[in-house]
């Protein structure tokens, strides 16, 4: 089924990012990353605002491998 889009705003796409508009069967990016950030860090929009008095992020990770990605 075709996609009907209105306005689309792409700020940036990383080197392993995927931007696809329309029908797709499989999207398989070839990179993984782990990002730690406090509350309100990933707000999006033109005028984001966040009111956090105390924010703490737990970065203790016991896993050795989270996602195994092979291939190019």
C-alpha atoms as a PDB file:
ATOM      1  CA  UNK A   1       0.000   0.000   0.000  1.00  0.00           C
ATOM      2  CA  UNK A   2       1.536   3.334  -0.992  1.00  0.00           C
ATOM      3  CA  UNK A   3       2.468   5.850   1.656  1.00  0.00           C
ATOM      4  CA  UNK A   4       1.053   9.358   1.473  1.00  0.00           C
ATOM      5  CA  UNK A   5       3.302  11.885   3.190  1.00  0.00           C
ATOM      6  CA  UNK A   6       2.884  15.486   4.123  1.00  0.00           C
ATOM      7  CA  UNK A   7       5.842  17.589   5.138  1.00  0.00           C
ATOM      8  CA  UNK A   8       9.027  15.672   5.973  1.00  0.00           C
ATOM      9  CA  UNK A   9      11.948  17.151   7.898  1.00  0.00           C
ATOM     10  CA  UNK A  10      15.178  15.125   8.058  1.00  0.00           C
ATOM     11  CA  UNK A  11      17.802  16.856  10.181  1.00  0.00           C
ATOM     12  CA  UNK A  12      20.651  14.379   9.771  1.00  0.00           C
ATOM     13  CA  UNK A  13      21.373  10.771   8.893  1.00  0.00           C
ATOM     14  CA  UNK A  14      24.398   8.958  10.287  1.00  0.00           C
ATOM     15  CA  UNK A  15      26.819   6.865   8.254  1.00  0.00           C
ATOM     16  CA  UNK A  16      24.968   3.644   9.117  1.00  0.00           C
ATOM     17  CA  UNK A  17      21.495   5.198   9.127  1.00  0.00           C
ATOM     18  CA  UNK A  18      18.586   4.239   6.918  1.00  0.00           C
ATOM     19  CA  UNK A  19      15.989   6.631   5.503  1.00  0.00           C
ATOM     20  CA  UNK A  20      13.312   4.940   3.459  1.00  0.00           C
ATOM     21  CA  UNK A  21      10.032   6.412   2.315  1.00  0.00           C
ATOM     22  CA  UNK A  22       7.473   4.039   0.886  1.00  0.00           C
ATOM     23  CA  UNK A  23       6.947   0.283   0.976  1.00  0.00           C
ATOM     24  CA  UNK A  24       9.783  -1.949   2.156  1.00  0.00           C
ATOM     25  CA  UNK A  25      10.182  -5.622   3.041  1.00  0.00           C
ATOM     26  CA  UNK A  26      13.383  -5.576   5.117  1.00  0.00           C
ATOM     27  CA  UNK A  27      15.572  -2.764   6.426  1.00  0.00           C
ATOM     28  CA  UNK A  28      18.804  -4.021   7.970  1.00  0.00           C
ATOM     29  CA  UNK A  29      21.298  -1.414   9.183  1.00  0.00           C
ATOM     30  CA  UNK A  30      24.842  -2.754   9.546  1.00  0.00           C
ATOM     31  CA  UNK A  31      25.923  -0.975  12.723  1.00  0.00           C
ATOM     32  CA  UNK A  32      24.893  -0.838  16.360  1.00  0.00           C
ATOM     33  CA  UNK A  33      25.559   1.626  19.137  1.00  0.00           C
ATOM     34  CA  UNK A  34      24.653   2.121  22.757  1.00  0.00           C
ATOM     35  CA  UNK A  35      23.810   5.618  23.926  1.00  0.00           C
ATOM     36  CA  UNK A  36      23.354   6.770  27.487  1.00  0.00           C
ATOM     37  CA  UNK A  37      21.491   9.998  28.144  1.00  0.00           C
ATOM     38  CA  UNK A  38      19.499  11.613  30.924  1.00  0.00           C
ATOM     39  CA  UNK A  39      15.829  12.456  30.933  1.00  0.00           C
ATOM     40  CA  UNK A  40      14.777  14.915  28.261  1.00  0.00           C
ATOM     41  CA  UNK A  41      17.923  14.328  26.170  1.00  0.00           C
ATOM     42  CA  UNK A  42      16.164  13.072  23.052  1.00  0.00           C
ATOM     43  CA  UNK A  43      13.391  15.653  22.820  1.00  0.00           C
ATOM     44  CA  UNK A  44      12.541  16.477  19.232  1.00  0.00           C
ATOM     45  CA  UNK A  45      10.789  19.404  17.615  1.00  0.00           C
ATOM     46  CA  UNK A  46      11.507  23.009  16.824  1.00  0.00           C
ATOM     47  CA  UNK A  47      11.184  24.380  20.370  1.00  0.00           C
ATOM     48  CA  UNK A  48      11.894  21.581  22.868  1.00  0.00           C
ATOM     49  CA  UNK A  49      11.868  22.293  26.586  1.00  0.00           C
ATOM     50  CA  UNK A  50      12.501  20.004  29.512  1.00  0.00           C
ATOM     51  CA  UNK A  51      12.176  20.714  33.232  1.00  0.00           C
ATOM     52  CA  UNK A  52      14.160  18.142  35.217  1.00  0.00           C
ATOM     53  CA  UNK A  53      15.298  18.929  38.735  1.00  0.00           C
ATOM     54  CA  UNK A  54      17.326  15.732  39.215  1.00  0.00           C
ATOM     55  CA  UNK A  55      18.373  13.348  36.448  1.00  0.00           C
ATOM     56  CA  UNK A  56      20.610  10.294  36.865  1.00  0.00           C
ATOM     57  CA  UNK A  57      21.457   7.738  34.203  1.00  0.00           C
ATOM     58  CA  UNK A  58      22.592   4.218  35.113  1.00  0.00           C
ATOM     59  CA  UNK A  59      25.419   3.192  32.748  1.00  0.00           C
ATOM     60  CA  UNK A  60      26.284  -0.103  34.454  1.00  0.00           C
ATOM     61  CA  UNK A  61      25.839  -2.847  31.833  1.00  0.00           C
ATOM     62  CA  UNK A  62      26.631  -6.487  32.608  1.00  0.00           C
ATOM     63  CA  UNK A  63      26.184  -7.714  29.010  1.00  0.00           C
ATOM     64  CA  UNK A  64      29.277  -8.412  26.965  1.00  0.00           C
ATOM     65  CA  UNK A  65      27.517  -8.311  23.591  1.00  0.00           C
ATOM     66  CA  UNK A  66      24.121  -6.642  23.171  1.00  0.00           C
ATOM     67  CA  UNK A  67      23.611  -7.121  19.433  1.00  0.00           C
ATOM     68  CA  UNK A  68      25.847  -9.073  17.109  1.00  0.00           C
ATOM     69  CA  UNK A  69      25.935  -7.535  13.639  1.00  0.00           C
ATOM     70  CA  UNK A  70      27.808  -9.246  10.822  1.00  0.00           C
ATOM     71  CA  UNK A  71      28.317  -8.235   7.224  1.00  0.00           C
ATOM     72  CA  UNK A  72      29.052  -4.972   5.467  1.00  0.00           C
END
